[in-house]
Amino acid sequence: MAEVSSYPLFPGLEENYLRAQIARISANTVLAPNGYYKITEAEEEESSENIEKNEEWVMPPPAELGKLDAWVHQNPHLKKQGRCSFHVLGSEEQQDSQEDEEMEEETPKTEEEMEQSPKLLTSINNDDEIADGMKPWSIRCSSSIHSLKHQIVCLRSLLWPGANVVATKDGFSNVYIGWGLKNCPYEPPMPPELQKEYDGELIECQELPPIPKPEVFEEPAESEAEHGGEAESEEGEE
């Protein structure tokens, strides 16, 4: 696989970048109608395996599907660490030693450790705004006539352009056709810290650089000169 030519530098190959973008997009844009799934077990590590289809659920009318409260996130929230649950890097022995140290002296938690994820099947109406008063989802119906038999409801993500959810009376479907780019203002990273000046002792060199030798251009040999003259005379005769 090819490397990713980007700035800031991506620490991986193209297949790693594609896998990461798919995880980010699916965690934010894969939706389901409210009540379509139900939580089976309340575990500490939230996963899509903890939900199952609600057999008693019935597809609501398009008028209800045209509201943000009628849709929930199907996949768990993706943390800034790139995981659904916080993972402590290192072996089990290192984790045990860290736990012992934490018991002796409490250290302040990092921003990643303090991040709180929303619960499973959270309504999209609770998503953060992408601008002042602007929700990250846009909902439209195929017709303004609510009594229409074949009504279609479409949800379009404004955070990840290309992600859409289409719902009819028979079911719903999630689809993404885009460039894998997030709709957010670009914030360039801060430049790296300046290198420290040399604090050692500076010693001036007393030796002079060597004098360069003059370039000598060799004159062409007599045979080469005569051959060149004959070629010029032949061209003149022609």
C-alpha atoms as a PDB file:
ATOM      1  CA  MET A   1       0.000   0.000   0.000  1.00  0.00           C
ATOM      2  CA  ALA A   2       1.091   3.562  -0.739  1.00  0.00           C
ATOM      3  CA  GLU A   3       2.016   6.169   1.832  1.00  0.00           C
ATOM      4  CA  VAL A   4      -0.297   9.110   2.576  1.00  0.00           C
ATOM      5  CA  SER A   5       1.017  12.440   1.293  1.00  0.00           C
ATOM      6  CA  SER A   6      -0.539  14.916   3.728  1.00  0.00           C
ATOM      7  CA  TYR A   7       0.159  17.680   6.193  1.00  0.00           C
ATOM      8  CA  PRO A   8       0.204  17.174   9.121  1.00  0.00           C
ATOM      9  CA  LEU A   9       2.005  13.904   8.496  1.00  0.00           C
ATOM     10  CA  PHE A  10      -0.198  10.820   8.862  1.00  0.00           C
ATOM     11  CA  PRO A  11       1.693   8.019  10.716  1.00  0.00           C
ATOM     12  CA  GLY A  12       0.526   5.123   8.583  1.00  0.00           C
ATOM     13  CA  LEU A  13      -0.250   3.780   5.147  1.00  0.00           C
ATOM     14  CA  GLU A  14      -3.192   4.479   2.875  1.00  0.00           C
ATOM     15  CA  GLU A  15      -5.095   1.440   4.148  1.00  0.00           C
ATOM     16  CA  ASN A  16      -4.740   2.695   7.749  1.00  0.00           C
ATOM     17  CA  TYR A  17      -5.991   6.150   6.774  1.00  0.00           C
ATOM     18  CA  LEU A  18      -8.973   4.663   4.925  1.00  0.00           C
ATOM     19  CA  ARG A  19      -9.854   2.441   7.889  1.00  0.00           C
ATOM     20  CA  ALA A  20      -9.661   5.406  10.281  1.00  0.00           C
ATOM     21  CA  GLN A  21     -11.875   7.613   8.102  1.00  0.00           C
ATOM     22  CA  ILE A  22     -14.489   4.886   7.693  1.00  0.00           C
ATOM     23  CA  ALA A  23     -14.629   4.475  11.480  1.00  0.00           C
ATOM     24  CA  ARG A  24     -15.032   8.228  12.024  1.00  0.00           C
ATOM     25  CA  ILE A  25     -17.747   8.607   9.399  1.00  0.00           C
ATOM     26  CA  SER A  26     -19.741   5.540  10.449  1.00  0.00           C
ATOM     27  CA  ALA A  27     -19.614   6.516  14.132  1.00  0.00           C
ATOM     28  CA  ASN A  28     -21.124   9.920  13.350  1.00  0.00           C
ATOM     29  CA  THR A  29     -23.487   9.271  10.448  1.00  0.00           C
ATOM     30  CA  VAL A  30     -24.929   5.725  10.667  1.00  0.00           C
ATOM     31  CA  LEU A  31     -28.447   6.279  12.022  1.00  0.00           C
ATOM     32  CA  ALA A  32     -31.545   4.264  12.887  1.00  0.00           C
ATOM     33  CA  PRO A  33     -35.101   5.286  13.770  1.00  0.00           C
ATOM     34  CA  ASN A  34     -35.736   5.732  17.478  1.00  0.00           C
ATOM     35  CA  GLY A  35     -36.969   2.421  18.890  1.00  0.00           C
ATOM     36  CA  TYR A  36     -35.655   0.269  16.034  1.00  0.00           C
ATOM     37  CA  TYR A  37     -32.902  -1.073  18.324  1.00  0.00           C
ATOM     38  CA  LYS A  38     -32.912  -1.773  22.036  1.00  0.00           C
ATOM     39  CA  ILE A  39     -30.032  -2.201  24.478  1.00  0.00           C
ATOM     40  CA  THR A  40     -29.559  -5.797  25.638  1.00  0.00           C
ATOM     41  CA  GLU A  41     -26.943  -5.457  28.398  1.00  0.00           C
ATOM     42  CA  ALA A  42     -25.589  -2.484  30.307  1.00  0.00           C
ATOM     43  CA  GLU A  43     -21.830  -3.006  30.160  1.00  0.00           C
ATOM     44  CA  GLU A  44     -18.983  -0.630  30.895  1.00  0.00           C
ATOM     45  CA  GLU A  45     -17.571  -0.974  27.375  1.00  0.00           C
ATOM     46  CA  GLU A  46     -20.270   0.148  24.980  1.00  0.00           C
ATOM     47  CA  SER A  47     -20.356  -1.762  21.704  1.00  0.00           C
ATOM     48  CA  SER A  48     -22.710  -2.296  18.788  1.00  0.00           C
ATOM     49  CA  GLU A  49     -22.969  -5.905  19.992  1.00  0.00           C
ATOM     50  CA  ASN A  50     -24.934  -4.682  23.028  1.00  0.00           C
ATOM     51  CA  ILE A  51     -27.950  -3.738  20.919  1.00  0.00           C
ATOM     52  CA  GLU A  52     -30.468  -5.854  19.049  1.00  0.00           C
ATOM     53  CA  LYS A  53     -33.434  -5.238  16.798  1.00  0.00           C
ATOM     54  CA  ASN A  54     -36.740  -4.536  18.499  1.00  0.00           C
ATOM     55  CA  GLU A  55     -39.219  -6.971  16.966  1.00  0.00           C
ATOM     56  CA  GLU A  56     -42.197  -4.987  18.257  1.00  0.00           C
ATOM     57  CA  TRP A  57     -41.103  -1.792  16.519  1.00  0.00           C
ATOM     58  CA  VAL A  58     -43.295  -0.371  13.744  1.00  0.00           C
ATOM     59  CA  MET A  59     -42.173   2.167  11.141  1.00  0.00           C
ATOM     60  CA  PRO A  60     -43.673   5.562  12.087  1.00  0.00           C
ATOM     61  CA  PRO A  61     -45.292   7.834   9.491  1.00  0.00           C
ATOM     62  CA  PRO A  62     -43.124  10.240   7.461  1.00  0.00           C
ATOM     63  CA  ALA A  63     -44.368  13.199   9.498  1.00  0.00           C
ATOM     64  CA  GLU A  64     -42.673  11.754  12.603  1.00  0.00           C
ATOM     65  CA  LEU A  65     -39.528  10.671  10.741  1.00  0.00           C
ATOM     66  CA  GLY A  66     -39.046  14.251   9.601  1.00  0.00           C
ATOM     67  CA  LYS A  67     -37.930  15.294  13.105  1.00  0.00           C
ATOM     68  CA  LEU A  68     -34.454  15.026  14.644  1.00  0.00           C
ATOM     69  CA  ASP A  69     -35.797  13.339  17.786  1.00  0.00           C
ATOM     70  CA  ALA A  70     -36.975  10.407  15.651  1.00  0.00           C
ATOM     71  CA  TRP A  71     -33.389   9.310  14.815  1.00  0.00           C
ATOM     72  CA  VAL A  72     -30.547   7.916  16.951  1.00  0.00           C
ATOM     73  CA  HIS A  73     -26.917   6.977  16.423  1.00  0.00           C
ATOM     74  CA  GLN A  74     -26.576   3.267  15.748  1.00  0.00           C
ATOM     75  CA  ASN A  75     -22.830   2.974  16.442  1.00  0.00           C
ATOM     76  CA  PRO A  76     -21.038   3.903  19.694  1.00  0.00           C
ATOM     77  CA  HIS A  77     -19.282   7.236  20.062  1.00  0.00           C
ATOM     78  CA  LEU A  78     -15.650   7.364  18.905  1.00  0.00           C
ATOM     79  CA  LYS A  79     -13.319   8.976  21.430  1.00  0.00           C
ATOM     80  CA  LYS A  80     -10.404  11.249  20.609  1.00  0.00           C
ATOM     81  CA  GLN A  81      -8.110   8.301  21.289  1.00  0.00           C
ATOM     82  CA  GLY A  82      -9.658   6.559  18.268  1.00  0.00           C
ATOM     83  CA  ARG A  83     -11.481   3.931  20.341  1.00  0.00           C
ATOM     84  CA  CYS A  84     -14.988   3.504  21.720  1.00  0.00           C
ATOM     85  CA  SER A  85     -13.582   2.908  25.221  1.00  0.00           C
ATOM     86  CA  PHE A  86     -10.440   4.370  26.752  1.00  0.00           C
ATOM     87  CA  HIS A  87      -7.443   2.051  26.504  1.00  0.00           C
ATOM     88  CA  VAL A  88      -4.328   2.318  28.658  1.00  0.00           C
ATOM     89  CA  LEU A  89      -1.282   1.680  26.516  1.00  0.00           C
ATOM     90  CA  GLY A  90       1.286  -0.832  27.764  1.00  0.00           C
ATOM     91  CA  SER A  91       1.432  -4.388  29.014  1.00  0.00           C
ATOM     92  CA  GLU A  92      -0.625  -5.791  31.876  1.00  0.00           C
ATOM     93  CA  GLU A  93       2.374  -5.633  34.186  1.00  0.00           C
ATOM     94  CA  GLN A  94       2.822  -1.937  33.453  1.00  0.00           C
ATOM     95  CA  GLN A  95      -0.879  -1.358  34.074  1.00  0.00           C
ATOM     96  CA  ASP A  96      -0.645  -3.137  37.434  1.00  0.00           C
ATOM     97  CA  SER A  97       2.348  -1.021  38.419  1.00  0.00           C
ATOM     98  CA  GLN A  98       0.511   2.117  37.328  1.00  0.00           C
ATOM     99  CA  GLU A  99      -2.481   1.155  39.460  1.00  0.00           C
ATOM    100  CA  ASP A 100      -0.205   0.714  42.475  1.00  0.00           C
ATOM    101  CA  GLU A 101       1.381   4.110  41.862  1.00  0.00           C
ATOM    102  CA  GLU A 102      -2.043   5.720  41.496  1.00  0.00           C
ATOM    103  CA  MET A 103      -3.048   4.332  44.884  1.00  0.00           C
ATOM    104  CA  GLU A 104       0.013   5.905  46.463  1.00  0.00           C
ATOM    105  CA  GLU A 105      -0.178   9.233  44.648  1.00  0.00           C
ATOM    106  CA  GLU A 106      -3.096  10.453  42.565  1.00  0.00           C
ATOM    107  CA  THR A 107      -2.035  12.011  39.263  1.00  0.00           C
ATOM    108  CA  PRO A 108      -4.235  14.450  37.297  1.00  0.00           C
ATOM    109  CA  LYS A 109      -6.134  12.801  34.464  1.00  0.00           C
ATOM    110  CA  THR A 110      -5.484  13.737  30.864  1.00  0.00           C
ATOM    111  CA  GLU A 111      -8.070  15.191  28.502  1.00  0.00           C
ATOM    112  CA  GLU A 112      -8.533  11.796  26.838  1.00  0.00           C
ATOM    113  CA  GLU A 113      -9.185  10.089  30.168  1.00  0.00           C
ATOM    114  CA  MET A 114     -11.726  12.723  31.221  1.00  0.00           C
ATOM    115  CA  GLU A 115     -13.695  12.552  27.957  1.00  0.00           C
ATOM    116  CA  GLN A 116     -17.292  11.433  28.528  1.00  0.00           C
ATOM    117  CA  SER A 117     -19.011   9.549  25.710  1.00  0.00           C
ATOM    118  CA  PRO A 118     -22.756   9.770  25.071  1.00  0.00           C
ATOM    119  CA  LYS A 119     -24.806   6.667  25.767  1.00  0.00           C
ATOM    120  CA  LEU A 120     -25.779   4.138  23.130  1.00  0.00           C
ATOM    121  CA  LEU A 121     -28.662   5.048  20.824  1.00  0.00           C
ATOM    122  CA  THR A 122     -28.408   8.762  21.600  1.00  0.00           C
ATOM    123  CA  SER A 123     -30.698  11.107  19.672  1.00  0.00           C
ATOM    124  CA  ILE A 124     -29.077  13.138  16.915  1.00  0.00           C
ATOM    125  CA  ASN A 125     -30.868  16.173  18.293  1.00  0.00           C
ATOM    126  CA  ASN A 126     -28.208  16.181  21.055  1.00  0.00           C
ATOM    127  CA  ASP A 127     -25.299  16.451  18.589  1.00  0.00           C
ATOM    128  CA  ASP A 128     -23.023  19.455  18.913  1.00  0.00           C
ATOM    129  CA  GLU A 129     -23.802  22.364  16.621  1.00  0.00           C
ATOM    130  CA  ILE A 130     -21.374  23.016  13.769  1.00  0.00           C
ATOM    131  CA  ALA A 131     -22.190  26.734  13.910  1.00  0.00           C
ATOM    132  CA  ASP A 132     -24.278  29.088  15.995  1.00  0.00           C
ATOM    133  CA  GLY A 133     -27.792  27.647  15.900  1.00  0.00           C
ATOM    134  CA  MET A 134     -26.931  25.236  13.070  1.00  0.00           C
ATOM    135  CA  LYS A 135     -27.553  21.539  13.612  1.00  0.00           C
ATOM    136  CA  PRO A 136     -25.297  18.985  11.865  1.00  0.00           C
ATOM    137  CA  TRP A 137     -28.300  17.345  10.162  1.00  0.00           C
ATOM    138  CA  SER A 138     -30.729  18.511   7.491  1.00  0.00           C
ATOM    139  CA  ILE A 139     -34.076  16.735   6.972  1.00  0.00           C
ATOM    140  CA  ARG A 140     -36.228  16.925   3.876  1.00  0.00           C
ATOM    141  CA  CYS A 141     -39.273  15.090   2.543  1.00  0.00           C
ATOM    142  CA  SER A 142     -39.913  14.220  -1.078  1.00  0.00           C
ATOM    143  CA  SER A 143     -43.227  16.090  -0.984  1.00  0.00           C
ATOM    144  CA  SER A 144     -44.932  18.630   1.235  1.00  0.00           C
ATOM    145  CA  ILE A 145     -48.139  16.603   0.967  1.00  0.00           C
ATOM    146  CA  HIS A 146     -48.022  14.447   4.121  1.00  0.00           C
ATOM    147  CA  SER A 147     -50.863  12.220   2.955  1.00  0.00           C
ATOM    148  CA  LEU A 148     -48.859  11.090  -0.070  1.00  0.00           C
ATOM    149  CA  LYS A 149     -48.658   7.294  -0.266  1.00  0.00           C
ATOM    150  CA  HIS A 150     -45.027   6.947  -1.363  1.00  0.00           C
ATOM    151  CA  GLN A 151     -43.350   9.547   0.829  1.00  0.00           C
ATOM    152  CA  ILE A 152     -39.551   9.558   1.221  1.00  0.00           C
ATOM    153  CA  VAL A 153     -37.635  11.151   4.093  1.00  0.00           C
ATOM    154  CA  CYS A 154     -33.965  12.058   3.586  1.00  0.00           C
ATOM    155  CA  LEU A 155     -31.451  13.095   6.228  1.00  0.00           C
ATOM    156  CA  ARG A 156     -28.250  14.784   5.055  1.00  0.00           C
ATOM    157  CA  SER A 157     -25.179  15.182   7.237  1.00  0.00           C
ATOM    158  CA  LEU A 158     -23.708  18.688   7.235  1.00  0.00           C
ATOM    159  CA  LEU A 159     -20.704  17.546   9.275  1.00  0.00           C
ATOM    160  CA  TRP A 160     -19.627  14.793   6.861  1.00  0.00           C
ATOM    161  CA  PRO A 161     -20.843  15.846   3.376  1.00  0.00           C
ATOM    162  CA  GLY A 162     -21.864  12.780   1.391  1.00  0.00           C
ATOM    163  CA  ALA A 163     -23.531  10.891   4.257  1.00  0.00           C
ATOM    164  CA  ASN A 164     -27.274  10.427   3.776  1.00  0.00           C
ATOM    165  CA  VAL A 165     -30.074   8.390   5.325  1.00  0.00           C
ATOM    166  CA  VAL A 166     -33.140   7.527   3.237  1.00  0.00           C
ATOM    167  CA  ALA A 167     -36.355   6.214   4.809  1.00  0.00           C
ATOM    168  CA  THR A 168     -39.583   4.946   3.249  1.00  0.00           C
ATOM    169  CA  LYS A 169     -42.599   3.138   4.628  1.00  0.00           C
ATOM    170  CA  ASP A 170     -40.793  -0.190   4.039  1.00  0.00           C
ATOM    171  CA  GLY A 171     -37.460   0.580   5.698  1.00  0.00           C
ATOM    172  CA  PHE A 172     -34.393   2.845   5.811  1.00  0.00           C
ATOM    173  CA  SER A 173     -30.852   2.816   4.453  1.00  0.00           C
ATOM    174  CA  ASN A 174     -27.550   4.582   5.217  1.00  0.00           C
ATOM    175  CA  VAL A 175     -25.281   5.567   2.330  1.00  0.00           C
ATOM    176  CA  TYR A 176     -22.089   7.598   2.022  1.00  0.00           C
ATOM    177  CA  ILE A 177     -20.695   8.976  -1.250  1.00  0.00           C
ATOM    178  CA  GLY A 178     -18.060  11.585  -0.534  1.00  0.00           C
ATOM    179  CA  TRP A 179     -14.381  12.496  -0.351  1.00  0.00           C
ATOM    180  CA  GLY A 180     -13.819  11.548   3.292  1.00  0.00           C
ATOM    181  CA  LEU A 181     -13.440  15.191   4.360  1.00  0.00           C
ATOM    182  CA  LYS A 182     -15.028  16.689   7.437  1.00  0.00           C
ATOM    183  CA  ASN A 183     -16.856  20.008   7.232  1.00  0.00           C
ATOM    184  CA  CYS A 184     -14.934  21.961   9.838  1.00  0.00           C
ATOM    185  CA  PRO A 185     -12.654  25.043   9.763  1.00  0.00           C
ATOM    186  CA  TYR A 186      -9.023  24.177   9.167  1.00  0.00           C
ATOM    187  CA  GLU A 187      -6.834  24.896  12.156  1.00  0.00           C
ATOM    188  CA  PRO A 188      -3.157  24.553  11.241  1.00  0.00           C
ATOM    189  CA  PRO A 189      -1.050  22.871  13.903  1.00  0.00           C
ATOM    190  CA  MET A 190       1.337  24.907  15.978  1.00  0.00           C
ATOM    191  CA  PRO A 191       4.939  24.938  14.747  1.00  0.00           C
ATOM    192  CA  PRO A 192       7.441  22.849  16.697  1.00  0.00           C
ATOM    193  CA  GLU A 193       9.449  24.404  19.505  1.00  0.00           C
ATOM    194  CA  LEU A 194      12.582  26.322  18.544  1.00  0.00           C
ATOM    195  CA  GLN A 195      15.819  24.487  19.041  1.00  0.00           C
ATOM    196  CA  LYS A 196      18.000  25.650  21.900  1.00  0.00           C
ATOM    197  CA  GLU A 197      21.121  27.595  21.080  1.00  0.00           C
ATOM    198  CA  TYR A 198      24.500  25.920  21.436  1.00  0.00           C
ATOM    199  CA  ASP A 199      25.694  26.591  24.957  1.00  0.00           C
ATOM    200  CA  GLY A 200      29.151  25.056  24.577  1.00  0.00           C
ATOM    201  CA  GLU A 201      32.445  26.888  24.196  1.00  0.00           C
ATOM    202  CA  LEU A 202      33.036  28.312  20.752  1.00  0.00           C
ATOM    203  CA  ILE A 203      36.627  27.922  19.464  1.00  0.00           C
ATOM    204  CA  GLU A 204      37.748  29.746  16.343  1.00  0.00           C
ATOM    205  CA  CYS A 205      39.499  27.605  13.802  1.00  0.00           C
ATOM    206  CA  GLN A 206      43.055  28.826  13.037  1.00  0.00           C
ATOM    207  CA  GLU A 207      43.560  26.736   9.923  1.00  0.00           C
ATOM    208  CA  LEU A 208      42.873  28.346   6.576  1.00  0.00           C
ATOM    209  CA  PRO A 209      40.925  26.460   3.930  1.00  0.00           C
ATOM    210  CA  PRO A 210      43.022  24.941   1.115  1.00  0.00           C
ATOM    211  CA  ILE A 211      43.630  27.097  -1.966  1.00  0.00           C
ATOM    212  CA  PRO A 212      41.627  25.702  -4.883  1.00  0.00           C
ATOM    213  CA  LYS A 213      43.648  24.601  -7.900  1.00  0.00           C
ATOM    214  CA  PRO A 214      43.081  26.563 -11.102  1.00  0.00           C
ATOM    215  CA  GLU A 215      41.149  24.760 -13.790  1.00  0.00           C
ATOM    216  CA  VAL A 216      43.232  23.873 -16.864  1.00  0.00           C
ATOM    217  CA  PHE A 217      41.446  23.544 -20.185  1.00  0.00           C
ATOM    218  CA  GLU A 218      43.142  21.054 -22.510  1.00  0.00           C
ATOM    219  CA  GLU A 219      43.424  22.058 -26.172  1.00  0.00           C
ATOM    220  CA  PRO A 220      42.077  19.530 -28.696  1.00  0.00           C
ATOM    221  CA  ALA A 221      44.636  17.342 -30.441  1.00  0.00           C
ATOM    222  CA  GLU A 222      45.742  18.104 -34.039  1.00  0.00           C
ATOM    223  CA  SER A 223      43.931  15.049 -35.454  1.00  0.00           C
ATOM    224  CA  GLU A 224      40.654  16.117 -33.846  1.00  0.00           C
ATOM    225  CA  ALA A 225      41.094  19.689 -35.122  1.00  0.00           C
ATOM    226  CA  GLU A 226      41.786  18.487 -38.700  1.00  0.00           C
ATOM    227  CA  HIS A 227      38.767  16.163 -38.565  1.00  0.00           C
ATOM    228  CA  GLY A 228      36.597  19.041 -37.385  1.00  0.00           C
ATOM    229  CA  GLY A 229      37.846  21.269 -40.217  1.00  0.00           C
ATOM    230  CA  GLU A 230      37.119  18.622 -42.864  1.00  0.00           C
ATOM    231  CA  ALA A 231      33.556  18.225 -41.550  1.00  0.00           C
ATOM    232  CA  GLU A 232      33.009  22.021 -41.773  1.00  0.00           C
ATOM    233  CA  SER A 233      34.347  22.133 -45.382  1.00  0.00           C
ATOM    234  CA  GLU A 234      32.063  19.282 -46.432  1.00  0.00           C
ATOM    235  CA  GLU A 235      29.051  21.086 -44.990  1.00  0.00           C
ATOM    236  CA  GLY A 236      30.064  24.285 -46.851  1.00  0.00           C
ATOM    237  CA  GLU A 237      30.306  22.405 -50.212  1.00  0.00           C
ATOM    238  CA  GLU A 238      26.866  20.945 -49.728  1.00  0.00           C
END
